[in-house]
N, C-alpha and C. Protein backbone atom coordinates (compact mmCIF):
# COMPACT_ATOMS: atom_id res chain seq x y z
N MET A 1 79.42 6.31 4.45
CA MET A 1 80.76 6.08 4.00
C MET A 1 81.63 5.81 5.22
N LEU A 2 82.53 4.85 5.10
CA LEU A 2 83.41 4.43 6.18
C LEU A 2 84.84 4.70 5.79
N VAL A 3 85.64 5.26 6.70
CA VAL A 3 87.06 5.49 6.42
C VAL A 3 87.86 4.51 7.26
N VAL A 4 88.66 3.68 6.60
CA VAL A 4 89.52 2.71 7.27
C VAL A 4 90.95 3.09 6.95
N GLU A 5 91.73 3.43 8.00
CA GLU A 5 93.08 3.97 7.83
C GLU A 5 92.99 5.13 6.84
N THR A 6 93.60 5.03 5.66
CA THR A 6 93.51 6.12 4.70
C THR A 6 92.64 5.76 3.50
N GLN A 7 91.99 4.60 3.55
CA GLN A 7 91.17 4.14 2.45
C GLN A 7 89.70 4.48 2.71
N VAL A 8 89.04 5.06 1.73
CA VAL A 8 87.61 5.34 1.84
C VAL A 8 86.86 4.16 1.23
N ILE A 9 85.94 3.62 1.99
CA ILE A 9 85.13 2.49 1.52
C ILE A 9 83.72 3.00 1.26
N GLN A 10 83.31 2.94 0.00
CA GLN A 10 81.99 3.40 -0.39
C GLN A 10 81.00 2.23 -0.31
N PRO A 11 79.74 2.51 -0.11
CA PRO A 11 78.77 1.42 -0.14
C PRO A 11 78.69 0.81 -1.53
N SER A 12 78.38 -0.48 -1.61
CA SER A 12 78.27 -1.17 -2.90
C SER A 12 77.05 -0.75 -3.68
N TRP A 13 76.05 -0.29 -2.95
CA TRP A 13 74.80 0.10 -3.59
C TRP A 13 74.13 1.20 -2.77
N ILE A 14 73.24 1.91 -3.44
CA ILE A 14 72.52 3.01 -2.81
C ILE A 14 71.02 2.78 -3.04
N LEU A 15 70.25 2.90 -1.98
CA LEU A 15 68.79 2.81 -2.08
C LEU A 15 68.21 4.14 -1.65
N ARG A 16 67.41 4.73 -2.53
CA ARG A 16 66.65 5.93 -2.20
C ARG A 16 65.18 5.55 -2.25
N GLU A 17 64.53 5.59 -1.10
CA GLU A 17 63.13 5.19 -1.04
C GLU A 17 62.22 6.39 -1.25
N GLY A 18 61.22 6.20 -2.09
CA GLY A 18 60.24 7.25 -2.33
C GLY A 18 58.84 6.73 -2.15
N ASN A 19 57.87 7.51 -2.57
CA ASN A 19 56.46 7.16 -2.40
C ASN A 19 55.84 6.53 -3.64
N SER A 20 56.56 6.46 -4.71
CA SER A 20 56.03 5.92 -5.96
C SER A 20 56.03 4.39 -5.94
N PRO A 21 55.07 3.77 -6.63
CA PRO A 21 55.09 2.31 -6.73
C PRO A 21 56.14 1.81 -7.73
N LEU A 22 56.76 2.72 -8.45
CA LEU A 22 57.79 2.35 -9.43
C LEU A 22 59.18 2.40 -8.81
N VAL A 23 60.05 1.52 -9.29
CA VAL A 23 61.44 1.48 -8.85
C VAL A 23 62.33 1.53 -10.09
N ALA A 24 63.31 2.41 -10.09
CA ALA A 24 64.29 2.47 -11.17
C ALA A 24 65.60 1.90 -10.65
N VAL A 25 66.24 1.05 -11.47
CA VAL A 25 67.45 0.36 -11.05
C VAL A 25 68.56 0.59 -12.07
N ALA A 26 69.73 0.93 -11.57
CA ALA A 26 70.95 1.00 -12.37
C ALA A 26 71.90 -0.04 -11.79
N LEU A 27 71.97 -1.21 -12.43
CA LEU A 27 72.72 -2.33 -11.85
C LEU A 27 74.23 -2.14 -11.83
N HIS A 28 74.78 -1.42 -12.79
CA HIS A 28 76.23 -1.27 -12.84
C HIS A 28 76.61 0.17 -13.18
N ASP A 29 76.13 1.08 -12.38
CA ASP A 29 76.46 2.49 -12.60
C ASP A 29 77.91 2.76 -12.24
N GLY A 30 78.47 1.96 -11.37
CA GLY A 30 79.78 2.27 -10.81
C GLY A 30 80.96 1.63 -11.50
N HIS A 31 82.08 2.05 -11.04
CA HIS A 31 83.39 1.60 -11.54
C HIS A 31 84.18 1.01 -10.38
N ASP A 32 83.51 0.85 -9.22
CA ASP A 32 84.19 0.40 -8.01
C ASP A 32 84.60 -1.07 -8.09
N ILE A 33 85.80 -1.33 -7.62
CA ILE A 33 86.34 -2.69 -7.48
C ILE A 33 86.95 -2.76 -6.09
N ARG A 34 86.70 -3.83 -5.37
CA ARG A 34 87.31 -3.97 -4.05
C ARG A 34 88.82 -4.02 -4.16
N ALA A 35 89.51 -3.49 -3.16
CA ALA A 35 90.97 -3.40 -3.16
C ALA A 35 91.62 -4.77 -3.34
N GLU A 36 91.05 -5.80 -2.77
CA GLU A 36 91.65 -7.13 -2.89
C GLU A 36 91.42 -7.77 -4.25
N VAL A 37 90.47 -7.26 -5.02
CA VAL A 37 90.19 -7.79 -6.35
C VAL A 37 90.96 -7.02 -7.43
N ALA A 38 91.17 -5.74 -7.24
CA ALA A 38 91.79 -4.87 -8.25
C ALA A 38 93.11 -5.42 -8.82
N PRO A 39 94.04 -5.93 -8.00
CA PRO A 39 95.29 -6.43 -8.57
C PRO A 39 95.13 -7.66 -9.46
N LEU A 40 94.00 -8.34 -9.37
CA LEU A 40 93.76 -9.54 -10.17
C LEU A 40 93.24 -9.22 -11.57
N LEU A 41 92.77 -8.00 -11.77
CA LEU A 41 92.17 -7.62 -13.06
C LEU A 41 93.23 -7.37 -14.13
N ALA A 42 92.93 -7.85 -15.32
CA ALA A 42 93.79 -7.60 -16.48
C ALA A 42 93.13 -6.62 -17.46
N VAL A 43 91.82 -6.45 -17.34
CA VAL A 43 91.07 -5.59 -18.27
C VAL A 43 91.49 -4.13 -18.07
N SER A 44 91.65 -3.42 -19.18
CA SER A 44 92.11 -2.02 -19.13
C SER A 44 91.02 -1.10 -18.61
N GLU A 45 91.44 0.06 -18.15
CA GLU A 45 90.48 1.08 -17.68
C GLU A 45 89.52 1.49 -18.80
N SER A 46 90.05 1.66 -20.01
CA SER A 46 89.18 2.10 -21.11
C SER A 46 88.16 1.01 -21.47
N ASP A 47 88.57 -0.26 -21.46
CA ASP A 47 87.63 -1.34 -21.73
C ASP A 47 86.60 -1.44 -20.62
N ARG A 48 87.04 -1.28 -19.37
CA ARG A 48 86.09 -1.30 -18.25
C ARG A 48 85.06 -0.21 -18.40
N THR A 49 85.51 0.99 -18.67
CA THR A 49 84.60 2.13 -18.77
C THR A 49 83.60 1.93 -19.91
N ARG A 50 84.06 1.41 -21.03
CA ARG A 50 83.18 1.19 -22.18
C ARG A 50 82.12 0.14 -21.86
N GLU A 51 82.49 -0.95 -21.22
CA GLU A 51 81.57 -2.05 -20.98
C GLU A 51 80.73 -1.89 -19.72
N GLU A 52 81.18 -1.06 -18.81
CA GLU A 52 80.35 -0.77 -17.65
C GLU A 52 79.26 0.20 -18.11
N ASP A 53 78.34 0.48 -17.24
CA ASP A 53 77.24 1.36 -17.62
C ASP A 53 77.34 2.68 -16.86
N PRO A 54 78.40 3.46 -17.14
CA PRO A 54 78.55 4.71 -16.39
C PRO A 54 77.40 5.66 -16.66
N PHE A 55 77.02 6.35 -15.64
CA PHE A 55 76.00 7.39 -15.72
C PHE A 55 74.57 6.86 -15.83
N THR A 56 74.37 5.54 -15.73
CA THR A 56 72.99 5.04 -15.81
C THR A 56 72.16 5.45 -14.61
N ALA A 57 72.80 5.81 -13.51
CA ALA A 57 72.03 6.26 -12.35
C ALA A 57 71.28 7.55 -12.66
N MET A 58 71.76 8.31 -13.62
CA MET A 58 71.09 9.57 -13.96
C MET A 58 69.64 9.33 -14.38
N TRP A 59 69.37 8.26 -15.11
CA TRP A 59 68.00 8.02 -15.57
C TRP A 59 67.10 7.54 -14.44
N THR A 60 67.68 7.03 -13.35
CA THR A 60 66.84 6.54 -12.25
C THR A 60 66.11 7.68 -11.54
N THR A 61 66.53 8.89 -11.78
CA THR A 61 65.89 10.04 -11.12
C THR A 61 64.48 10.32 -11.65
N VAL A 62 64.03 9.54 -12.64
CA VAL A 62 62.67 9.74 -13.17
C VAL A 62 61.61 9.27 -12.19
N VAL A 63 62.00 8.48 -11.18
CA VAL A 63 61.06 8.03 -10.14
C VAL A 63 61.67 8.29 -8.76
N ASP A 64 60.83 8.20 -7.74
CA ASP A 64 61.29 8.48 -6.37
C ASP A 64 62.14 7.38 -5.77
N THR A 65 61.82 6.12 -6.09
CA THR A 65 62.56 5.00 -5.50
C THR A 65 63.62 4.52 -6.49
N GLN A 66 64.87 4.50 -6.01
CA GLN A 66 66.00 4.19 -6.88
C GLN A 66 66.95 3.22 -6.19
N ILE A 67 67.44 2.26 -6.97
CA ILE A 67 68.51 1.37 -6.52
C ILE A 67 69.65 1.56 -7.50
N VAL A 68 70.81 1.95 -6.98
CA VAL A 68 71.98 2.20 -7.81
C VAL A 68 73.14 1.37 -7.26
N VAL A 69 73.63 0.45 -8.09
CA VAL A 69 74.75 -0.39 -7.68
C VAL A 69 76.05 0.24 -8.19
N LYS A 70 76.99 0.45 -7.27
CA LYS A 70 78.23 1.16 -7.59
C LYS A 70 79.38 0.21 -7.95
N ARG A 71 79.16 -1.09 -7.86
CA ARG A 71 80.21 -2.07 -8.11
C ARG A 71 80.36 -2.34 -9.61
N SER A 72 81.57 -2.51 -10.07
CA SER A 72 81.85 -2.82 -11.46
C SER A 72 81.32 -4.20 -11.84
N ARG A 73 80.80 -4.31 -13.04
CA ARG A 73 80.36 -5.62 -13.53
C ARG A 73 81.53 -6.56 -13.73
N PHE A 74 82.76 -6.04 -13.74
CA PHE A 74 83.92 -6.91 -13.90
C PHE A 74 84.29 -7.61 -12.59
N GLU A 75 83.74 -7.16 -11.49
CA GLU A 75 83.89 -7.91 -10.24
C GLU A 75 82.81 -8.99 -10.17
N PHE A 76 81.58 -8.60 -10.42
CA PHE A 76 80.47 -9.56 -10.56
C PHE A 76 79.37 -8.88 -11.35
N ASP A 77 78.74 -9.63 -12.22
CA ASP A 77 77.73 -9.08 -13.13
C ASP A 77 76.34 -9.46 -12.63
N LEU A 78 75.61 -8.47 -12.17
CA LEU A 78 74.28 -8.70 -11.61
C LEU A 78 73.22 -8.98 -12.68
N ASN A 79 73.57 -8.83 -13.94
CA ASN A 79 72.64 -9.13 -15.03
C ASN A 79 72.63 -10.61 -15.38
N ARG A 80 73.41 -11.40 -14.67
CA ARG A 80 73.56 -12.82 -15.00
C ARG A 80 73.18 -13.70 -13.82
N PRO A 81 72.87 -14.95 -14.11
CA PRO A 81 72.62 -15.88 -13.00
C PRO A 81 73.86 -15.99 -12.11
N ARG A 82 73.66 -16.32 -10.85
CA ARG A 82 74.75 -16.38 -9.86
C ARG A 82 75.94 -17.19 -10.37
N GLU A 83 75.69 -18.34 -10.97
CA GLU A 83 76.79 -19.20 -11.42
C GLU A 83 77.56 -18.64 -12.61
N GLN A 84 77.05 -17.59 -13.23
CA GLN A 84 77.72 -16.96 -14.36
C GLN A 84 78.10 -15.49 -14.08
N ALA A 85 77.97 -15.07 -12.84
CA ALA A 85 78.18 -13.66 -12.49
C ALA A 85 79.64 -13.23 -12.52
N VAL A 86 80.56 -14.18 -12.40
CA VAL A 86 81.99 -13.86 -12.50
C VAL A 86 82.46 -14.38 -13.85
N TYR A 87 83.06 -13.51 -14.63
CA TYR A 87 83.51 -13.89 -15.97
C TYR A 87 84.70 -14.84 -15.89
N LEU A 88 84.54 -16.02 -16.48
CA LEU A 88 85.60 -17.02 -16.45
C LEU A 88 86.16 -17.34 -17.83
N SER A 89 85.54 -16.83 -18.87
CA SER A 89 86.04 -17.08 -20.22
C SER A 89 85.89 -15.83 -21.06
N LEU A 90 86.56 -15.82 -22.20
CA LEU A 90 86.47 -14.68 -23.11
C LEU A 90 85.03 -14.49 -23.61
N GLU A 91 84.31 -15.59 -23.78
CA GLU A 91 82.93 -15.52 -24.24
C GLU A 91 82.03 -14.82 -23.21
N ASP A 92 82.37 -14.96 -21.93
CA ASP A 92 81.60 -14.32 -20.87
C ASP A 92 81.75 -12.80 -20.90
N SER A 93 82.89 -12.33 -21.39
CA SER A 93 83.27 -10.91 -21.22
C SER A 93 83.57 -10.20 -22.53
N TRP A 94 82.76 -10.47 -23.55
CA TRP A 94 82.89 -9.76 -24.83
C TRP A 94 84.29 -9.87 -25.43
N GLY A 95 84.96 -11.00 -25.20
CA GLY A 95 86.29 -11.22 -25.75
C GLY A 95 87.41 -10.55 -24.97
N LEU A 96 87.10 -9.95 -23.85
CA LEU A 96 88.12 -9.26 -23.04
C LEU A 96 88.74 -10.23 -22.03
N SER A 97 90.05 -10.13 -21.88
CA SER A 97 90.74 -10.87 -20.82
C SER A 97 90.55 -10.09 -19.52
N VAL A 98 89.76 -10.62 -18.63
CA VAL A 98 89.41 -9.90 -17.40
C VAL A 98 90.43 -10.13 -16.30
N TRP A 99 90.93 -11.36 -16.17
CA TRP A 99 91.79 -11.72 -15.03
C TRP A 99 93.24 -11.93 -15.45
N ARG A 100 94.17 -11.52 -14.58
CA ARG A 100 95.60 -11.72 -14.84
C ARG A 100 95.94 -13.20 -14.92
N ASP A 101 95.40 -13.99 -14.02
CA ASP A 101 95.57 -15.44 -14.02
C ASP A 101 94.20 -16.05 -13.91
N PHE A 102 94.00 -17.16 -14.59
CA PHE A 102 92.71 -17.83 -14.53
C PHE A 102 92.41 -18.24 -13.09
N LEU A 103 91.21 -17.95 -12.64
CA LEU A 103 90.80 -18.34 -11.29
C LEU A 103 90.32 -19.77 -11.28
N HIS A 104 90.79 -20.56 -10.35
CA HIS A 104 90.38 -21.98 -10.26
C HIS A 104 89.41 -22.16 -9.14
């Protein structure tokens, strides 16, 4: 963890390496949004929490090797191809208005 002025910057993801050949992944366990992106969001906290996958990192403990991504899917969605990872339409985001102004 890095502290810059009074802001704490958490890592975007956590890797715990173990001896098992299996890997458990929680792609969107977190609610983190970068400070420069947060003011651009229009989606409510309750909608974010519902659509994010909070607490999915808990199930990754079933194996020794774990990858847990702490970034919100509303910043970028790792379950989608790169060109679709940022929601640009209501269809992309379950009908939710994600951005205050449309990004060009």
